[in-house]
Amino acid sequence: MNAVTLKNREFGPAIVMEIAERRAPQGFNNIEDVITHRELEDISVAYKIEAGFDPEALNQRPSLTV
C-alpha cells in the first residue's frame, strides 16, 4: 500500500494539486490557466501506465480467468 501511495504522489492526482499550488498559490478559476491541457494529458498517461491501467498494455496481456 505504501508503494501505491508514493506512486500516487509522483504520478496521480496529487501531482496535479502540487503543481497547481506551486504555480497559483492564491488560487485559480480554471485548472488549464495553471496547467496546460497537454501537461494534464501527460500526467494522466504516466499515471495510467504506472498504475497498470494503460489500455494498450491491458489489451496486450492475457485475459484473467477465475
PDB file of N, CA and C in Angstrom:
ATOM      1  N   MET A   1       0.818  -1.197   0.000  1.00  0.00           N
ATOM      2  CA  MET A   1       0.000   0.000   0.000  1.00  0.00           C
ATOM      3  C   MET A   1       0.866   1.268   0.000  1.00  0.00           C
ATOM      4  N   ASN A   2       1.985   1.193   0.696  1.00  0.00           N
ATOM      5  CA  ASN A   2       2.889   2.348   0.700  1.00  0.00           C
ATOM      6  C   ASN A   2       3.374   2.676  -0.702  1.00  0.00           C
ATOM      7  N   ALA A   3       3.680   1.642  -1.482  1.00  0.00           N
ATOM      8  CA  ALA A   3       4.160   1.865  -2.847  1.00  0.00           C
ATOM      9  C   ALA A   3       3.093   2.577  -3.677  1.00  0.00           C
ATOM     10  N   VAL A   4       1.842   2.178  -3.520  1.00  0.00           N
ATOM     11  CA  VAL A   4       0.746   2.821  -4.261  1.00  0.00           C
ATOM     12  C   VAL A   4       0.627   4.283  -3.852  1.00  0.00           C
ATOM     13  N   THR A   5       0.691   4.535  -2.565  1.00  0.00           N
ATOM     14  CA  THR A   5       0.595   5.914  -2.075  1.00  0.00           C
ATOM     15  C   THR A   5       1.725   6.773  -2.627  1.00  0.00           C
ATOM     16  N   LEU A   6       2.940   6.247  -2.600  1.00  0.00           N
ATOM     17  CA  LEU A   6       4.081   7.002  -3.121  1.00  0.00           C
ATOM     18  C   LEU A   6       3.956   7.257  -4.620  1.00  0.00           C
ATOM     19  N   LYS A   7       3.492   6.257  -5.367  1.00  0.00           N
ATOM     20  CA  LYS A   7       3.295   6.443  -6.813  1.00  0.00           C
ATOM     21  C   LYS A   7       2.210   7.471  -7.081  1.00  0.00           C
ATOM     22  N   ASN A   8       1.138   7.472  -6.281  1.00  0.00           N
ATOM     23  CA  ASN A   8       0.080   8.464  -6.454  1.00  0.00           C
ATOM     24  C   ASN A   8       0.624   9.874  -6.274  1.00  0.00           C
ATOM     25  N   ARG A   9       1.535  10.027  -5.353  1.00  0.00           N
ATOM     26  CA  ARG A   9       2.133  11.350  -5.137  1.00  0.00           C
ATOM     27  C   ARG A   9       3.004  11.783  -6.294  1.00  0.00           C
ATOM     28  N   GLU A  10       3.605  10.815  -6.953  1.00  0.00           N
ATOM     29  CA  GLU A  10       4.510  11.118  -8.058  1.00  0.00           C
ATOM     30  C   GLU A  10       3.780  11.250  -9.391  1.00  0.00           C
ATOM     31  N   PHE A  11       2.741  10.438  -9.594  1.00  0.00           N
ATOM     32  CA  PHE A  11       2.099  10.377 -10.909  1.00  0.00           C
ATOM     33  C   PHE A  11       0.622  10.750 -10.905  1.00  0.00           C
ATOM     34  N   GLY A  12      -0.053  10.607  -9.834  1.00  0.00           N
ATOM     35  CA  GLY A  12      -1.506  10.704  -9.822  1.00  0.00           C
ATOM     36  C   GLY A  12      -2.035  12.106  -9.613  1.00  0.00           C
ATOM     37  N   PRO A  13      -3.265  12.178  -9.135  1.00  0.00           N
ATOM     38  CA  PRO A  13      -3.915  13.470  -8.909  1.00  0.00           C
ATOM     39  C   PRO A  13      -3.138  14.373  -7.958  1.00  0.00           C
ATOM     40  N   ALA A  14      -2.398  13.792  -7.042  1.00  0.00           N
ATOM     41  CA  ALA A  14      -1.639  14.618  -6.092  1.00  0.00           C
ATOM     42  C   ALA A  14      -0.623  15.499  -6.799  1.00  0.00           C
ATOM     43  N   ILE A  15      -0.016  15.009  -7.870  1.00  0.00           N
ATOM     44  CA  ILE A  15       0.975  15.822  -8.579  1.00  0.00           C
ATOM     45  C   ILE A  15       0.302  17.031  -9.233  1.00  0.00           C
ATOM     46  N   VAL A  16      -0.925  16.853  -9.703  1.00  0.00           N
ATOM     47  CA  VAL A  16      -1.671  17.986 -10.283  1.00  0.00           C
ATOM     48  C   VAL A  16      -1.914  19.037  -9.204  1.00  0.00           C
ATOM     49  N   MET A  17      -2.307  18.589  -8.015  1.00  0.00           N
ATOM     50  CA  MET A  17      -2.547  19.529  -6.918  1.00  0.00           C
ATOM     51  C   MET A  17      -1.262  20.239  -6.501  1.00  0.00           C
ATOM     52  N   GLU A  18      -0.153  19.513  -6.477  1.00  0.00           N
ATOM     53  CA  GLU A  18       1.124  20.128  -6.113  1.00  0.00           C
ATOM     54  C   GLU A  18       1.551  21.183  -7.135  1.00  0.00           C
ATOM     55  N   ILE A  19       1.404  20.860  -8.403  1.00  0.00           N
ATOM     56  CA  ILE A  19       1.770  21.821  -9.453  1.00  0.00           C
ATOM     57  C   ILE A  19       0.881  23.058  -9.361  1.00  0.00           C
ATOM     58  N   ALA A  20      -0.412  22.842  -9.186  1.00  0.00           N
ATOM     59  CA  ALA A  20      -1.341  23.966  -9.085  1.00  0.00           C
ATOM     60  C   ALA A  20      -1.000  24.858  -7.889  1.00  0.00           C
ATOM     61  N   GLU A  21      -0.704  24.250  -6.772  1.00  0.00           N
ATOM     62  CA  GLU A  21      -0.347  25.024  -5.575  1.00  0.00           C
ATOM     63  C   GLU A  21       0.927  25.824  -5.802  1.00  0.00           C
ATOM     64  N   ARG A  22       1.896  25.212  -6.451  1.00  0.00           N
ATOM     65  CA  ARG A  22       3.176  25.888  -6.709  1.00  0.00           C
ATOM     66  C   ARG A  22       3.000  27.046  -7.696  1.00  0.00           C
ATOM     67  N   ARG A  23       2.204  26.818  -8.732  1.00  0.00           N
ATOM     68  CA  ARG A  23       2.067  27.839  -9.778  1.00  0.00           C
ATOM     69  C   ARG A  23       1.033  28.907  -9.456  1.00  0.00           C
ATOM     70  N   ALA A  24       0.045  28.559  -8.657  1.00  0.00           N
ATOM     71  CA  ALA A  24      -1.027  29.517  -8.353  1.00  0.00           C
ATOM     72  C   ALA A  24      -1.389  29.448  -6.873  1.00  0.00           C
ATOM     73  N   PRO A  25      -0.486  29.859  -5.996  1.00  0.00           N
ATOM     74  CA  PRO A  25      -0.741  29.738  -4.560  1.00  0.00           C
ATOM     75  C   PRO A  25      -1.947  30.546  -4.077  1.00  0.00           C
ATOM     76  N   GLN A  26      -2.349  31.534  -4.848  1.00  0.00           N
ATOM     77  CA  GLN A  26      -3.507  32.343  -4.461  1.00  0.00           C
ATOM     78  C   GLN A  26      -4.820  31.794  -5.012  1.00  0.00           C
ATOM     79  N   GLY A  27      -4.744  30.670  -5.724  1.00  0.00           N
ATOM     80  CA  GLY A  27      -5.946  30.065  -6.294  1.00  0.00           C
ATOM     81  C   GLY A  27      -6.103  30.379  -7.772  1.00  0.00           C
ATOM     82  N   PHE A  28      -7.123  29.779  -8.348  1.00  0.00           N
ATOM     83  CA  PHE A  28      -7.389  29.955  -9.778  1.00  0.00           C
ATOM     84  C   PHE A  28      -8.837  29.577 -10.040  1.00  0.00           C
ATOM     85  N   ASN A  29      -9.332  29.953 -11.209  1.00  0.00           N
ATOM     86  CA  ASN A  29     -10.698  29.620 -11.595  1.00  0.00           C
ATOM     87  C   ASN A  29     -10.769  28.430 -12.538  1.00  0.00           C
ATOM     88  N   ASN A  30      -9.729  28.257 -13.360  1.00  0.00           N
ATOM     89  CA  ASN A  30      -9.724  27.192 -14.356  1.00  0.00           C
ATOM     90  C   ASN A  30      -8.364  26.505 -14.313  1.00  0.00           C
ATOM     91  N   ILE A  31      -8.356  25.200 -14.121  1.00  0.00           N
ATOM     92  CA  ILE A  31      -7.098  24.465 -13.999  1.00  0.00           C
ATOM     93  C   ILE A  31      -6.199  24.663 -15.213  1.00  0.00           C
ATOM     94  N   GLU A  32      -6.791  24.824 -16.397  1.00  0.00           N
ATOM     95  CA  GLU A  32      -5.975  24.993 -17.602  1.00  0.00           C
ATOM     96  C   GLU A  32      -5.341  26.381 -17.700  1.00  0.00           C
ATOM     97  N   ASP A  33      -5.698  27.272 -16.787  1.00  0.00           N
ATOM     98  CA  ASP A  33      -4.971  28.539 -16.676  1.00  0.00           C
ATOM     99  C   ASP A  33      -3.654  28.332 -15.927  1.00  0.00           C
ATOM    100  N   VAL A  34      -3.550  27.214 -15.219  1.00  0.00           N
ATOM    101  CA  VAL A  34      -2.393  26.927 -14.376  1.00  0.00           C
ATOM    102  C   VAL A  34      -1.539  25.806 -14.965  1.00  0.00           C
ATOM    103  N   ILE A  35      -2.198  24.776 -15.472  1.00  0.00           N
ATOM    104  CA  ILE A  35      -1.537  23.608 -16.047  1.00  0.00           C
ATOM    105  C   ILE A  35      -2.133  23.391 -17.435  1.00  0.00           C
ATOM    106  N   THR A  36      -1.287  23.326 -18.431  1.00  0.00           N
ATOM    107  CA  THR A  36      -1.804  23.191 -19.796  1.00  0.00           C
ATOM    108  C   THR A  36      -2.521  21.861 -19.986  1.00  0.00           C
ATOM    109  N   HIS A  37      -3.382  21.833 -20.965  1.00  0.00           N
ATOM    110  CA  HIS A  37      -4.108  20.611 -21.303  1.00  0.00           C
ATOM    111  C   HIS A  37      -3.122  19.488 -21.629  1.00  0.00           C
ATOM    112  N   ARG A  38      -2.076  19.823 -22.328  1.00  0.00           N
ATOM    113  CA  ARG A  38      -1.049  18.831 -22.684  1.00  0.00           C
ATOM    114  C   ARG A  38      -0.375  18.251 -21.433  1.00  0.00           C
ATOM    115  N   GLU A  39      -0.047  19.118 -20.487  1.00  0.00           N
ATOM    116  CA  GLU A  39       0.553  18.637 -19.241  1.00  0.00           C
ATOM    117  C   GLU A  39      -0.391  17.691 -18.494  1.00  0.00           C
ATOM    118  N   LEU A  40      -1.667  18.049 -18.453  1.00  0.00           N
ATOM    119  CA  LEU A  40      -2.654  17.191 -17.793  1.00  0.00           C
ATOM    120  C   LEU A  40      -2.760  15.837 -18.486  1.00  0.00           C
ATOM    121  N   GLU A  41      -2.739  15.843 -19.813  1.00  0.00           N
ATOM    122  CA  GLU A  41      -2.763  14.587 -20.565  1.00  0.00           C
ATOM    123  C   GLU A  41      -1.528  13.746 -20.263  1.00  0.00           C
ATOM    124  N   ASP A  42      -0.366  14.375 -20.242  1.00  0.00           N
ATOM    125  CA  ASP A  42       0.880  13.657 -19.962  1.00  0.00           C
ATOM    126  C   ASP A  42       0.866  13.040 -18.563  1.00  0.00           C
ATOM    127  N   ILE A  43       0.382  13.785 -17.589  1.00  0.00           N
ATOM    128  CA  ILE A  43       0.275  13.267 -16.223  1.00  0.00           C
ATOM    129  C   ILE A  43      -0.683  12.086 -16.183  1.00  0.00           C
ATOM    130  N   SER A  44      -1.796  12.204 -16.884  1.00  0.00           N
ATOM    131  CA  SER A  44      -2.791  11.130 -16.924  1.00  0.00           C
ATOM    132  C   SER A  44      -2.231   9.864 -17.554  1.00  0.00           C
ATOM    133  N   VAL A  45      -1.546  10.011 -18.673  1.00  0.00           N
ATOM    134  CA  VAL A  45      -0.951   8.849 -19.354  1.00  0.00           C
ATOM    135  C   VAL A  45       0.098   8.190 -18.462  1.00  0.00           C
ATOM    136  N   ALA A  46       0.969   8.994 -17.864  1.00  0.00           N
ATOM    137  CA  ALA A  46       2.008   8.443 -16.991  1.00  0.00           C
ATOM    138  C   ALA A  46       1.397   7.691 -15.816  1.00  0.00           C
ATOM    139  N   TYR A  47       0.333   8.243 -15.266  1.00  0.00           N
ATOM    140  CA  TYR A  47      -0.339   7.589 -14.136  1.00  0.00           C
ATOM    141  C   TYR A  47      -0.963   6.262 -14.565  1.00  0.00           C
ATOM    142  N   LYS A  48      -1.630   6.247 -15.705  1.00  0.00           N
ATOM    143  CA  LYS A  48      -2.252   5.007 -16.197  1.00  0.00           C
ATOM    144  C   LYS A  48      -1.210   3.923 -16.437  1.00  0.00           C
ATOM    145  N   ILE A  49      -0.089   4.310 -17.014  1.00  0.00           N
ATOM    146  CA  ILE A  49       0.977   3.334 -17.276  1.00  0.00           C
ATOM    147  C   ILE A  49       1.534   2.807 -15.958  1.00  0.00           C
ATOM    148  N   GLU A  50       1.852   3.700 -15.050  1.00  0.00           N
ATOM    149  CA  GLU A  50       2.452   3.304 -13.774  1.00  0.00           C
ATOM    150  C   GLU A  50       1.499   2.458 -12.935  1.00  0.00           C
ATOM    151  N   ALA A  51       0.205   2.786 -12.988  1.00  0.00           N
ATOM    152  CA  ALA A  51      -0.793   2.061 -12.194  1.00  0.00           C
ATOM    153  C   ALA A  51      -1.257   0.770 -12.866  1.00  0.00           C
ATOM    154  N   GLY A  52      -0.841   0.561 -14.121  1.00  0.00           N
ATOM    155  CA  GLY A  52      -1.252  -0.648 -14.823  1.00  0.00           C
ATOM    156  C   GLY A  52      -2.604  -0.527 -15.491  1.00  0.00           C
ATOM    157  N   PHE A  53      -3.047   0.704 -15.732  1.00  0.00           N
ATOM    158  CA  PHE A  53      -4.349   0.939 -16.349  1.00  0.00           C
ATOM    159  C   PHE A  53      -4.259   1.376 -17.802  1.00  0.00           C
ATOM    160  N   ASP A  54      -3.089   1.312 -18.381  1.00  0.00           N
ATOM    161  CA  ASP A  54      -2.911   1.730 -19.765  1.00  0.00           C
ATOM    162  C   ASP A  54      -3.678   0.777 -20.678  1.00  0.00           C
ATOM    163  N   PRO A  55      -4.660   1.264 -21.441  1.00  0.00           N
ATOM    164  CA  PRO A  55      -5.472   0.376 -22.281  1.00  0.00           C
ATOM    165  C   PRO A  55      -4.653  -0.481 -23.235  1.00  0.00           C
ATOM    166  N   GLU A  56      -3.624   0.081 -23.842  1.00  0.00           N
ATOM    167  CA  GLU A  56      -2.818  -0.694 -24.790  1.00  0.00           C
ATOM    168  C   GLU A  56      -2.118  -1.858 -24.082  1.00  0.00           C
ATOM    169  N   ALA A  57      -1.534  -1.583 -22.930  1.00  0.00           N
ATOM    170  CA  ALA A  57      -0.858  -2.640 -22.169  1.00  0.00           C
ATOM    171  C   ALA A  57      -1.856  -3.688 -21.697  1.00  0.00           C
ATOM    172  N   LEU A  58      -3.017  -3.242 -21.247  1.00  0.00           N
ATOM    173  CA  LEU A  58      -4.048  -4.196 -20.788  1.00  0.00           C
ATOM    174  C   LEU A  58      -4.524  -5.083 -21.919  1.00  0.00           C
ATOM    175  N   ASN A  59      -4.683  -4.528 -23.100  1.00  0.00           N
ATOM    176  CA  ASN A  59      -5.176  -5.307 -24.239  1.00  0.00           C
ATOM    177  C   ASN A  59      -4.142  -6.299 -24.745  1.00  0.00           C
ATOM    178  N   GLN A  60      -2.877  -6.080 -24.453  1.00  0.00           N
ATOM    179  CA  GLN A  60      -1.826  -6.977 -24.930  1.00  0.00           C
ATOM    180  C   GLN A  60      -1.553  -8.149 -23.990  1.00  0.00           C
ATOM    181  N   ARG A  61      -1.975  -8.049 -22.766  1.00  0.00           N
ATOM    182  CA  ARG A  61      -1.717  -9.149 -21.820  1.00  0.00           C
ATOM    183  C   ARG A  61      -2.833 -10.193 -21.902  1.00  0.00           C
ATOM    184  N   PRO A  62      -2.552 -11.399 -21.428  1.00  0.00           N
ATOM    185  CA  PRO A  62      -3.583 -12.436 -21.457  1.00  0.00           C
ATOM    186  C   PRO A  62      -4.762 -12.056 -20.555  1.00  0.00           C
ATOM    187  N   SER A  63      -5.933 -12.505 -20.911  1.00  0.00           N
ATOM    188  CA  SER A  63      -7.112 -12.245 -20.091  1.00  0.00           C
ATOM    189  C   SER A  63      -7.008 -12.984 -18.767  1.00  0.00           C
ATOM    190  N   LEU A  64      -7.546 -12.382 -17.762  1.00  0.00           N
ATOM    191  CA  LEU A  64      -7.604 -13.029 -16.469  1.00  0.00           C
ATOM    192  C   LEU A  64      -8.800 -13.987 -16.432  1.00  0.00           C
ATOM    193  N   THR A  65      -8.610 -15.128 -15.832  1.00  0.00           N
ATOM    194  CA  THR A  65      -9.724 -16.079 -15.689  1.00  0.00           C
ATOM    195  C   THR A  65      -9.842 -16.471 -14.223  1.00  0.00           C
ATOM    196  N   VAL A  66     -11.031 -16.840 -13.871  1.00  0.00           N
ATOM    197  CA  VAL A  66     -11.289 -17.258 -12.490  1.00  0.00           C
ATOM    198  C   VAL A  66     -11.374 -18.757 -12.438  1.00  0.00           C
TER     199      VAL A  66
END
